[in-house]
Amino acid sequence: MSQDQTTNQSWGGRFSEPVDAFVARFTASVDFDKRLYKQDIQGSVAHATMLARVGVLSDEERDSIIAGLHSIQSEIEAGQFDWRVDLEDVHMNIEARLTAQIGVTGKKLHTGRSRNDQVATDIRLWLREEIDVILAELQRLQTGLLDQAERHAAVIMPGFTHLQTAQPVTFGHHLLAWFEMLCRDRERLLDCRKRVNRMPLGSAALAGTTYPIDRSITCELLGFEAVSGNSLDGVSDRDFAIEFCAAAALAMMHMSRFSEELVLWTSAQFNFIELPDRFCTGSSIMPQKKNPDVPELVRGKTGRVYGQLMSLLTLMKSQPLAYNKDNQEDKEPLFDAVDTLRDCLRAFADMIPAIQPKVEAMREAALRGFSTATDLADYLVRRGLPFRDCHEIVGHAVKYGVESGKDLAEMTLEELRQFSDQIEQDVFEVLTLEGSVNARDHIGGTAPAQVRAAVARGRELLAG
């Protein structure tokens, strides 16, 4: 019986019996790593091109290999490729098909490389592309936030601390807080991409190769920014995947916070916004229900990405150098984190521009809870009183308001003056909601003019 009939043709030379059928399925990764087919072929084309330039392959062999690889890619994308579990992974499936197509020349493709540096290269190529897609979705979401913030720069709503009414803010200002969070996510992803974009190809199994390869050629062909500096680290490093998942976990945490507010705001108790029907579902038993399923689901999916980050950290924490079979477990957590973040960003980028604020309900809520109390204290400070004294004076005024059922702006001048004779008629200019938000006219403040200026800065940032 031939070797090919008994053992895996990529490594079966020293084995005398085939792998147990269950073990073959248990150790195979092709069911999930086949999504790397495009990057695997891309890397192989660059590798064959480099081998021909340094004289390891002839030009004819190179051309035959590249034509065969392109033919295989067409088969895969047409759904006509037969993925075989017995060939373990995407790499050997493609190489076996190449050899079946072009003969012995196909077996020369693997010269000077290992599946260890091959898979490390594939994952980096794949993640680099996915980060670019995620960044595009992130920018689409940020643009939607900017558009909404500009449109509603002067819409007043209550700001909260401890989920209690604190001070009035503008809806545009609140949306720009989300925008700022996403700016940090964008910075992290861009920075992460730099470390993803380093090429391990040429590290071979762990020690490099004796063939006269030129890594700068493949580096340029594949669009990497740099070549990995150590072959041991090149094949075993998964920091870039962990770093991405950490950035993804932060981004999901931010969207979970957005989601929590959206869920609250759509409730009858808040009634601040209206979500379009296409982002909601109903109840099977309660006909009146309109459930904010998209933000709820994004909030729930956050835990998945947290879990994938912990999976990768745990996977790598005890591995000696260099490559170990454990690393086969890097792909599914990474794939899921990428898919989850990308899909959540897409859902939000579609949904945020369609949110309709309920302007009057927001304003009415801002009128409750003595939200201009700090403005009254600041007014008294400007009249020459120490802030701590002003704080106490306003506290007494609020206590009176609670007992009488009156907001500060609803009290008469005489009522207010019983707490301080420094209060004059002009106090009502700062006790109004508009007076409060307009007074915060500085960079980062909630004044409508500052919201519009921040929107302009945000558009410049995204354009750059």
Protein backbone atom coordinates (compact mmCIF):
# COMPACT_ATOMS: atom_id res chain seq x y z
CA MET A 1 0.00 0.00 0.00
CA SER A 2 1.40 3.40 -0.94
CA GLN A 3 2.15 6.18 1.53
CA ASP A 4 -0.69 8.30 0.15
CA GLN A 5 -3.15 5.52 0.97
CA THR A 6 -2.03 5.13 4.55
CA THR A 7 -0.86 8.45 5.89
CA ASN A 8 -1.14 12.17 5.23
CA GLN A 9 0.93 12.93 2.15
CA SER A 10 2.36 16.16 3.62
CA TRP A 11 4.09 14.49 6.56
CA GLY A 12 3.48 10.72 6.44
CA GLY A 13 7.01 9.54 5.61
CA ARG A 14 7.98 8.50 9.13
CA PHE A 15 4.56 7.03 10.01
CA SER A 16 3.63 3.39 9.49
CA GLU A 17 -0.13 3.61 10.02
CA PRO A 18 -2.82 6.15 9.27
CA VAL A 19 -4.20 8.51 11.88
CA ASP A 20 -7.29 7.26 13.67
CA ALA A 21 -10.43 8.51 11.90
CA PHE A 22 -11.71 10.34 14.96
CA VAL A 23 -8.29 11.91 15.61
CA ALA A 24 -8.20 13.05 11.99
CA ARG A 25 -11.47 14.88 12.44
CA PHE A 26 -10.49 16.14 15.88
CA THR A 27 -7.21 17.66 14.68
CA ALA A 28 -8.43 18.97 11.34
CA SER A 29 -9.04 22.69 10.96
CA VAL A 30 -10.29 22.87 7.39
CA ASP A 31 -13.92 23.36 8.43
CA PHE A 32 -13.08 26.82 9.77
CA ASP A 33 -9.73 27.83 8.25
CA LYS A 34 -10.98 27.39 4.69
CA ARG A 35 -12.15 30.98 4.94
CA LEU A 36 -8.45 31.87 4.59
CA TYR A 37 -8.32 30.43 1.06
CA LYS A 38 -7.88 33.79 -0.67
CA GLN A 39 -5.03 34.85 1.59
CA ASP A 40 -3.42 31.40 1.32
CA ILE A 41 -3.42 31.65 -2.44
CA GLN A 42 -2.21 35.25 -2.30
CA GLY A 43 0.72 34.22 -0.10
CA SER A 44 1.54 31.24 -2.31
CA VAL A 45 1.59 33.37 -5.45
CA ALA A 46 4.04 35.77 -3.79
CA HIS A 47 6.15 32.87 -2.49
CA ALA A 48 6.35 31.25 -5.94
CA THR A 49 7.23 34.60 -7.51
CA MET A 50 10.05 35.07 -5.01
CA LEU A 51 11.36 31.51 -5.50
CA ALA A 52 11.59 32.14 -9.24
CA ARG A 53 13.45 35.43 -8.77
CA VAL A 54 16.09 33.78 -6.60
CA GLY A 55 16.44 30.83 -8.99
CA VAL A 56 14.82 28.08 -6.89
CA LEU A 57 11.97 27.76 -9.40
CA SER A 58 12.10 28.26 -13.14
CA ASP A 59 9.88 30.87 -14.74
CA GLU A 60 7.85 28.07 -16.33
CA GLU A 61 7.32 26.38 -12.97
CA ARG A 62 6.31 29.70 -11.41
CA ASP A 63 3.80 30.42 -14.16
CA SER A 64 2.33 26.94 -13.93
CA ILE A 65 1.95 27.24 -10.17
CA ILE A 66 0.37 30.69 -10.32
CA ALA A 67 -2.06 29.71 -13.08
CA GLY A 68 -3.03 26.62 -11.09
CA LEU A 69 -3.60 28.66 -7.92
CA HIS A 70 -5.82 31.13 -9.74
CA SER A 71 -7.80 28.23 -11.20
CA ILE A 72 -8.26 26.78 -7.69
CA GLN A 73 -9.47 30.15 -6.39
CA SER A 74 -12.08 30.22 -9.16
CA GLU A 75 -13.20 26.71 -8.19
CA ILE A 76 -13.54 27.69 -4.54
CA GLU A 77 -15.48 30.85 -5.30
CA ALA A 78 -17.77 28.94 -7.65
CA GLY A 79 -18.52 26.42 -4.91
CA GLN A 80 -16.93 23.59 -6.91
CA PHE A 81 -13.99 22.79 -4.63
CA ASP A 82 -13.99 19.52 -2.69
CA TRP A 83 -12.71 20.28 0.81
CA ARG A 84 -11.22 17.15 2.38
CA VAL A 85 -10.93 16.65 6.14
CA ASP A 86 -8.18 14.07 5.65
CA LEU A 87 -5.96 16.86 4.29
CA GLU A 88 -6.36 18.69 7.61
CA ASP A 89 -6.37 22.34 6.63
CA VAL A 90 -6.82 24.93 3.94
CA HIS A 91 -3.13 24.86 3.03
CA MET A 92 -2.88 21.15 2.25
CA ASN A 93 -6.25 21.10 0.49
CA ILE A 94 -5.06 23.79 -1.91
CA GLU A 95 -1.61 22.25 -2.36
CA ALA A 96 -3.06 18.79 -3.03
CA ARG A 97 -5.45 20.21 -5.61
CA LEU A 98 -2.59 22.14 -7.21
CA THR A 99 -0.51 18.97 -7.50
CA ALA A 100 -3.47 17.12 -8.98
CA GLN A 101 -3.81 19.88 -11.58
CA ILE A 102 -0.21 20.55 -12.62
CA GLY A 103 1.67 17.48 -11.43
CA VAL A 104 4.98 17.32 -9.63
CA THR A 105 5.60 21.05 -10.05
CA GLY A 106 2.82 21.63 -7.53
CA LYS A 107 4.91 19.86 -4.89
CA LYS A 108 7.68 22.44 -5.36
CA LEU A 109 5.52 25.31 -4.08
CA HIS A 110 6.25 24.46 -0.45
CA THR A 111 10.02 24.79 -0.94
CA GLY A 112 11.53 27.10 1.68
CA ARG A 113 8.44 27.46 3.84
CA SER A 114 6.41 25.60 6.46
CA ARG A 115 2.76 25.51 7.31
CA ASN A 116 3.86 27.31 10.47
CA ASP A 117 4.92 30.51 8.70
CA GLN A 118 2.28 29.98 6.02
CA VAL A 119 -0.65 30.08 8.43
CA ALA A 120 0.85 32.96 10.40
CA THR A 121 1.06 34.91 7.14
CA ASP A 122 -2.47 33.98 6.07
CA ILE A 123 -4.00 35.13 9.34
CA ARG A 124 -2.21 38.46 9.18
CA LEU A 125 -3.28 39.05 5.59
CA TRP A 126 -6.87 38.16 6.49
CA LEU A 127 -7.00 40.28 9.63
CA ARG A 128 -5.45 43.25 7.84
CA GLU A 129 -8.28 43.17 5.29
CA GLU A 130 -10.91 42.74 7.98
CA ILE A 131 -9.56 45.68 9.99
CA ASP A 132 -9.93 47.84 6.90
CA VAL A 133 -13.56 46.71 6.52
CA ILE A 134 -14.20 47.37 10.22
CA LEU A 135 -12.62 50.82 9.98
CA ALA A 136 -14.93 51.63 7.06
CA GLU A 137 -18.00 50.57 9.08
CA LEU A 138 -16.71 52.52 12.08
CA GLN A 139 -16.34 55.63 9.94
CA ARG A 140 -19.85 55.15 8.57
CA LEU A 141 -21.19 55.00 12.12
CA GLN A 142 -19.19 58.05 13.17
CA THR A 143 -20.47 59.98 10.16
CA GLY A 144 -24.03 59.10 11.16
CA LEU A 145 -23.38 60.38 14.66
CA LEU A 146 -21.95 63.63 13.32
CA ASP A 147 -24.95 64.14 11.04
CA GLN A 148 -27.37 63.55 13.91
CA ALA A 149 -25.37 65.78 16.28
CA GLU A 150 -25.36 68.63 13.78
CA ARG A 151 -29.06 68.21 13.07
CA HIS A 152 -29.96 68.24 16.77
CA ALA A 153 -27.25 70.54 18.12
CA ALA A 154 -29.77 72.65 20.05
CA VAL A 155 -32.17 69.94 21.24
CA ILE A 156 -32.12 69.95 25.03
CA MET A 157 -32.23 66.81 27.15
CA PRO A 158 -31.29 65.98 30.72
CA GLY A 159 -27.74 64.91 31.39
CA PHE A 160 -27.34 62.22 34.03
CA THR A 161 -24.98 61.06 36.71
CA HIS A 162 -25.92 57.96 38.70
CA LEU A 163 -28.84 57.84 36.22
CA GLN A 164 -30.28 60.81 38.11
CA THR A 165 -30.97 64.15 36.44
CA ALA A 166 -27.81 66.22 36.75
CA GLN A 167 -27.58 69.16 34.32
CA PRO A 168 -29.18 69.97 30.98
CA VAL A 169 -27.17 69.06 27.90
CA THR A 170 -27.93 69.01 24.21
CA PHE A 171 -28.76 65.81 22.34
CA GLY A 172 -26.02 66.64 19.87
CA HIS A 173 -23.51 66.91 22.70
CA HIS A 174 -24.53 63.51 24.04
CA LEU A 175 -24.12 61.90 20.62
CA LEU A 176 -20.68 63.44 20.30
CA ALA A 177 -19.65 61.68 23.51
CA TRP A 178 -20.29 58.43 21.64
CA PHE A 179 -18.32 59.79 18.71
CA GLU A 180 -15.33 60.46 20.97
CA MET A 181 -15.40 56.87 22.25
CA LEU A 182 -15.35 55.60 18.69
CA CYS A 183 -12.44 57.90 17.86
CA ARG A 184 -10.37 56.07 20.45
CA ASP A 185 -11.49 52.75 18.97
CA ARG A 186 -10.41 53.96 15.55
CA GLU A 187 -6.99 54.97 16.88
CA ARG A 188 -6.52 51.59 18.54
CA LEU A 189 -7.46 49.67 15.40
CA LEU A 190 -5.17 51.77 13.23
CA ASP A 191 -2.33 51.20 15.68
CA CYS A 192 -3.09 47.48 15.91
CA ARG A 193 -3.01 47.25 12.11
CA LYS A 194 0.64 48.35 12.12
CA ARG A 195 1.63 45.31 14.18
CA VAL A 196 -0.62 43.01 12.15
CA ASN A 197 1.15 44.19 9.01
CA ARG A 198 4.47 42.44 9.64
CA MET A 199 5.43 39.41 7.58
CA PRO A 200 6.42 36.08 9.16
CA LEU A 201 6.79 34.27 5.81
CA GLY A 202 10.36 33.04 5.52
CA SER A 203 10.53 31.95 9.14
CA ALA A 204 9.74 28.42 7.89
CA ALA A 205 9.05 25.93 10.70
CA LEU A 206 10.99 27.84 13.34
CA ALA A 207 14.61 28.43 12.30
CA GLY A 208 14.39 29.94 8.85
CA THR A 209 15.40 28.08 5.70
CA THR A 210 18.61 27.05 3.95
CA TYR A 211 17.25 28.16 0.57
CA PRO A 212 18.45 31.55 -0.75
CA ILE A 213 15.09 33.27 -0.22
CA ASP A 214 14.64 37.04 -0.41
CA ARG A 215 12.01 38.02 2.15
CA SER A 216 11.96 41.61 0.95
CA ILE A 217 10.41 40.42 -2.32
CA THR A 218 7.48 38.64 -0.68
CA CYS A 219 7.14 41.50 1.80
CA GLU A 220 6.68 43.99 -1.03
CA LEU A 221 4.41 41.71 -3.06
CA LEU A 222 2.11 41.12 -0.11
CA GLY A 223 2.03 44.76 1.01
CA PHE A 224 3.54 44.20 4.44
CA GLU A 225 5.26 47.11 6.12
CA ALA A 226 8.10 45.06 7.63
CA VAL A 227 9.56 41.57 7.93
CA SER A 228 9.46 39.77 11.29
CA GLY A 229 12.88 39.95 12.90
CA ASN A 230 13.09 36.51 14.53
CA SER A 231 11.98 33.21 13.02
CA LEU A 232 10.98 31.67 16.36
CA ASP A 233 8.78 34.63 17.19
CA GLY A 234 7.55 34.89 13.61
CA VAL A 235 5.78 31.52 13.64
CA SER A 236 4.55 31.61 17.25
CA ASP A 237 3.46 35.22 17.76
CA ARG A 238 -0.26 35.76 18.16
CA ASP A 239 -0.01 39.07 19.98
CA PHE A 240 -1.60 40.80 17.02
CA ALA A 241 -4.74 38.64 17.33
CA ILE A 242 -4.95 39.28 21.07
CA GLU A 243 -4.42 42.99 20.53
CA PHE A 244 -7.18 43.08 17.95
CA CYS A 245 -9.56 41.28 20.30
CA ALA A 246 -8.67 43.72 23.08
CA ALA A 247 -9.46 46.65 20.77
CA ALA A 248 -12.64 44.88 19.66
CA ALA A 249 -13.67 44.28 23.28
CA LEU A 250 -13.30 47.99 24.03
CA ALA A 251 -15.29 48.93 20.94
CA MET A 252 -18.03 46.47 21.89
CA MET A 253 -18.07 47.84 25.43
CA HIS A 254 -18.66 51.28 23.96
CA MET A 255 -21.49 50.05 21.75
CA SER A 256 -22.95 48.18 24.70
CA ARG A 257 -23.07 51.48 26.59
CA PHE A 258 -24.75 53.11 23.59
CA SER A 259 -27.18 50.19 23.49
CA GLU A 260 -28.08 50.52 27.16
CA GLU A 261 -28.98 54.17 26.65
CA LEU A 262 -30.94 53.44 23.50
CA VAL A 263 -32.92 50.74 25.30
CA LEU A 264 -33.67 53.14 28.16
CA TRP A 265 -34.55 55.99 25.83
CA THR A 266 -37.04 53.92 23.84
CA SER A 267 -38.88 52.81 26.99
CA ALA A 268 -42.20 54.39 27.96
CA GLN A 269 -40.54 55.63 31.14
CA PHE A 270 -38.01 57.76 29.24
CA ASN A 271 -39.69 58.14 25.82
CA PHE A 272 -36.73 60.13 24.46
CA ILE A 273 -36.35 58.59 21.00
CA GLU A 274 -38.14 56.60 18.33
CA LEU A 275 -36.35 53.72 16.63
CA PRO A 276 -37.53 52.78 13.13
CA ASP A 277 -39.64 49.63 12.98
CA ARG A 278 -37.07 47.84 10.82
CA PHE A 279 -34.67 47.70 13.79
CA CYS A 280 -37.27 46.38 16.23
CA THR A 281 -39.53 43.39 16.71
CA GLY A 282 -42.84 42.75 18.42
CA SER A 283 -44.13 40.34 21.02
CA SER A 284 -45.86 37.03 20.30
CA ILE A 285 -48.39 37.71 23.05
CA MET A 286 -48.45 41.49 23.72
CA PRO A 287 -49.61 43.34 20.60
CA GLN A 288 -48.52 46.76 21.83
CA LYS A 289 -44.84 45.85 22.20
CA LYS A 290 -42.05 47.33 20.08
CA ASN A 291 -38.81 45.84 21.31
CA PRO A 292 -35.39 47.45 20.61
CA ASP A 293 -33.85 44.16 19.51
CA VAL A 294 -30.82 45.54 17.67
CA PRO A 295 -29.34 47.45 20.63
CA GLU A 296 -30.31 44.62 22.98
CA LEU A 297 -28.52 42.09 20.81
CA VAL A 298 -25.43 44.27 20.44
CA ARG A 299 -25.37 44.62 24.21
CA GLY A 300 -25.57 40.84 24.52
CA LYS A 301 -22.94 40.11 21.88
CA THR A 302 -20.39 42.14 23.80
CA GLY A 303 -19.84 39.16 26.08
CA ARG A 304 -18.83 37.01 23.10
CA VAL A 305 -15.96 39.31 22.23
CA TYR A 306 -14.85 39.51 25.86
CA GLY A 307 -14.84 35.71 25.87
CA GLN A 308 -12.78 35.46 22.69
CA LEU A 309 -10.18 37.82 24.16
CA MET A 310 -9.89 35.63 27.23
CA SER A 311 -9.71 32.50 25.05
CA LEU A 312 -6.71 33.85 23.15
CA LEU A 313 -4.94 35.10 26.26
CA THR A 314 -5.41 31.71 27.89
CA LEU A 315 -4.36 29.89 24.71
CA MET A 316 -1.02 31.67 24.60
CA LYS A 317 -0.14 31.99 28.28
CA SER A 318 1.81 28.73 28.71
CA GLN A 319 3.15 27.98 25.24
CA PRO A 320 6.88 27.42 24.87
CA LEU A 321 8.55 28.55 21.67
CA ALA A 322 7.95 27.97 18.85
CA TYR A 323 4.79 26.71 17.12
CA ASN A 324 2.46 24.30 18.94
CA LYS A 325 -0.73 22.60 17.82
CA ASP A 326 -2.54 24.71 20.42
CA ASN A 327 -2.28 27.59 17.98
CA GLN A 328 -4.83 25.94 15.73
CA GLU A 329 -7.30 27.22 18.33
CA ASP A 330 -6.46 30.85 17.54
CA LYS A 331 -8.67 31.12 14.49
CA GLU A 332 -12.21 30.52 15.71
CA PRO A 333 -12.02 33.09 18.55
CA LEU A 334 -10.44 35.63 16.20
CA PHE A 335 -12.91 34.94 13.41
CA ASP A 336 -15.85 35.29 15.79
CA ALA A 337 -14.53 38.53 17.33
CA VAL A 338 -14.04 40.03 13.86
CA ASP A 339 -17.46 38.92 12.62
CA THR A 340 -19.23 40.14 15.74
CA LEU A 341 -17.60 43.58 15.80
CA ARG A 342 -18.08 44.12 12.08
CA ASP A 343 -21.75 43.11 12.15
CA CYS A 344 -22.54 45.19 15.24
CA LEU A 345 -20.90 48.24 13.69
CA ARG A 346 -22.86 47.69 10.50
CA ALA A 347 -26.14 47.42 12.41
CA PHE A 348 -25.42 50.63 14.33
CA ALA A 349 -24.21 52.48 11.23
CA ASP A 350 -27.55 51.66 9.59
CA MET A 351 -29.64 52.44 12.67
CA ILE A 352 -28.14 55.62 14.18
CA PRO A 353 -28.98 57.93 11.23
CA ALA A 354 -32.62 56.81 11.47
CA ILE A 355 -33.13 57.64 15.17
CA GLN A 356 -35.77 60.30 15.78
CA PRO A 357 -35.46 62.28 19.04
CA LYS A 358 -38.70 63.20 20.81
CA VAL A 359 -37.80 66.82 21.38
CA GLU A 360 -40.62 67.84 23.68
CA ALA A 361 -40.30 64.74 25.86
CA MET A 362 -36.58 65.36 26.26
CA ARG A 363 -37.16 68.98 27.16
CA GLU A 364 -39.89 68.15 29.66
CA ALA A 365 -37.58 65.61 31.33
CA ALA A 366 -34.82 68.22 31.56
CA LEU A 367 -37.22 70.51 33.40
CA ARG A 368 -37.59 67.91 36.14
CA GLY A 369 -35.00 67.24 38.81
CA PHE A 370 -33.65 70.78 39.37
CA SER A 371 -31.15 70.43 36.54
CA THR A 372 -30.15 74.12 36.68
CA ALA A 373 -29.17 74.03 40.36
CA THR A 374 -25.46 74.25 39.54
CA ASP A 375 -26.17 77.26 37.33
CA LEU A 376 -27.74 79.02 40.30
CA ALA A 377 -24.68 78.22 42.41
CA ASP A 378 -22.38 79.57 39.69
CA TYR A 379 -24.54 82.70 39.48
CA LEU A 380 -24.02 83.35 43.19
CA VAL A 381 -20.27 82.75 42.85
CA ARG A 382 -20.18 85.45 40.22
CA ARG A 383 -21.90 87.72 42.74
CA GLY A 384 -18.90 87.28 45.04
CA LEU A 385 -19.90 84.43 47.36
CA PRO A 386 -17.65 81.40 48.06
CA PHE A 387 -18.72 78.32 46.12
CA ARG A 388 -19.26 76.18 49.22
CA ASP A 389 -21.63 78.78 50.63
CA CYS A 390 -23.40 78.92 47.29
CA HIS A 391 -23.71 75.14 47.27
CA GLU A 392 -25.46 75.23 50.64
CA ILE A 393 -27.75 78.08 49.62
CA VAL A 394 -28.89 76.25 46.50
CA GLY A 395 -29.34 73.06 48.50
CA HIS A 396 -31.85 74.88 50.70
CA ALA A 397 -33.59 76.24 47.61
CA VAL A 398 -33.84 72.75 46.14
CA LYS A 399 -35.24 71.42 49.42
CA TYR A 400 -37.89 74.14 49.27
CA GLY A 401 -38.61 73.22 45.67
CA VAL A 402 -39.10 69.55 46.58
CA GLU A 403 -41.51 70.51 49.35
CA SER A 404 -43.43 73.03 47.25
CA GLY A 405 -43.38 71.06 44.01
CA LYS A 406 -41.65 73.89 42.13
CA ASP A 407 -38.58 73.86 39.93
CA LEU A 408 -36.06 76.65 40.53
CA ALA A 409 -37.16 78.42 37.36
CA GLU A 410 -40.78 78.31 38.52
CA MET A 411 -40.08 80.14 41.80
CA THR A 412 -40.69 83.84 42.11
CA LEU A 413 -37.85 86.25 42.77
CA GLU A 414 -39.14 86.71 46.31
CA GLU A 415 -39.07 82.99 46.92
CA LEU A 416 -35.49 82.74 45.70
CA ARG A 417 -34.33 85.78 47.67
CA GLN A 418 -35.31 84.12 50.96
CA PHE A 419 -32.20 81.99 50.47
CA SER A 420 -29.85 84.84 49.43
CA ASP A 421 -30.30 88.57 49.00
CA GLN A 422 -27.67 88.43 46.24
CA ILE A 423 -30.25 86.97 43.86
CA GLU A 424 -31.67 89.52 41.40
CA GLN A 425 -34.06 89.46 38.45
CA ASP A 426 -31.31 88.45 36.03
CA VAL A 427 -31.11 85.05 37.75
CA PHE A 428 -33.85 83.76 35.47
CA GLU A 429 -31.50 84.05 32.51
CA VAL A 430 -29.39 81.23 33.97
CA LEU A 431 -32.25 79.16 35.34
CA THR A 432 -33.70 78.46 31.89
CA LEU A 433 -32.56 75.35 30.02
CA GLU A 434 -31.34 77.41 27.09
CA GLY A 435 -29.40 79.73 29.37
CA SER A 436 -27.76 76.75 31.03
CA VAL A 437 -26.56 75.00 27.89
CA ASN A 438 -25.57 78.21 26.08
CA ALA A 439 -23.42 79.26 29.04
CA ARG A 440 -21.20 76.22 28.52
CA ASP A 441 -19.66 77.75 25.44
CA HIS A 442 -16.13 76.34 25.49
CA ILE A 443 -14.33 73.53 23.67
CA GLY A 444 -15.95 70.29 24.77
CA GLY A 445 -18.97 72.09 26.20
CA THR A 446 -22.62 71.39 25.50
CA ALA A 447 -23.52 74.75 23.94
CA PRO A 448 -25.04 74.36 20.46
CA ALA A 449 -22.28 76.48 18.94
CA GLN A 450 -19.67 74.19 20.47
CA VAL A 451 -21.53 71.10 19.26
CA ARG A 452 -21.45 72.43 15.70
CA ALA A 453 -17.76 73.27 16.04
CA ALA A 454 -17.05 69.76 17.34
CA VAL A 455 -18.96 68.29 14.40
CA ALA A 456 -16.76 70.27 12.02
CA ARG A 457 -13.62 69.00 13.77
CA GLY A 458 -14.97 65.47 13.60
CA ARG A 459 -15.56 65.71 9.86
CA GLU A 460 -12.01 66.95 9.36
CA LEU A 461 -10.69 64.03 11.38
CA LEU A 462 -12.58 61.46 9.33
CA ALA A 463 -11.60 63.13 6.08
CA GLY A 464 -7.92 63.05 7.06
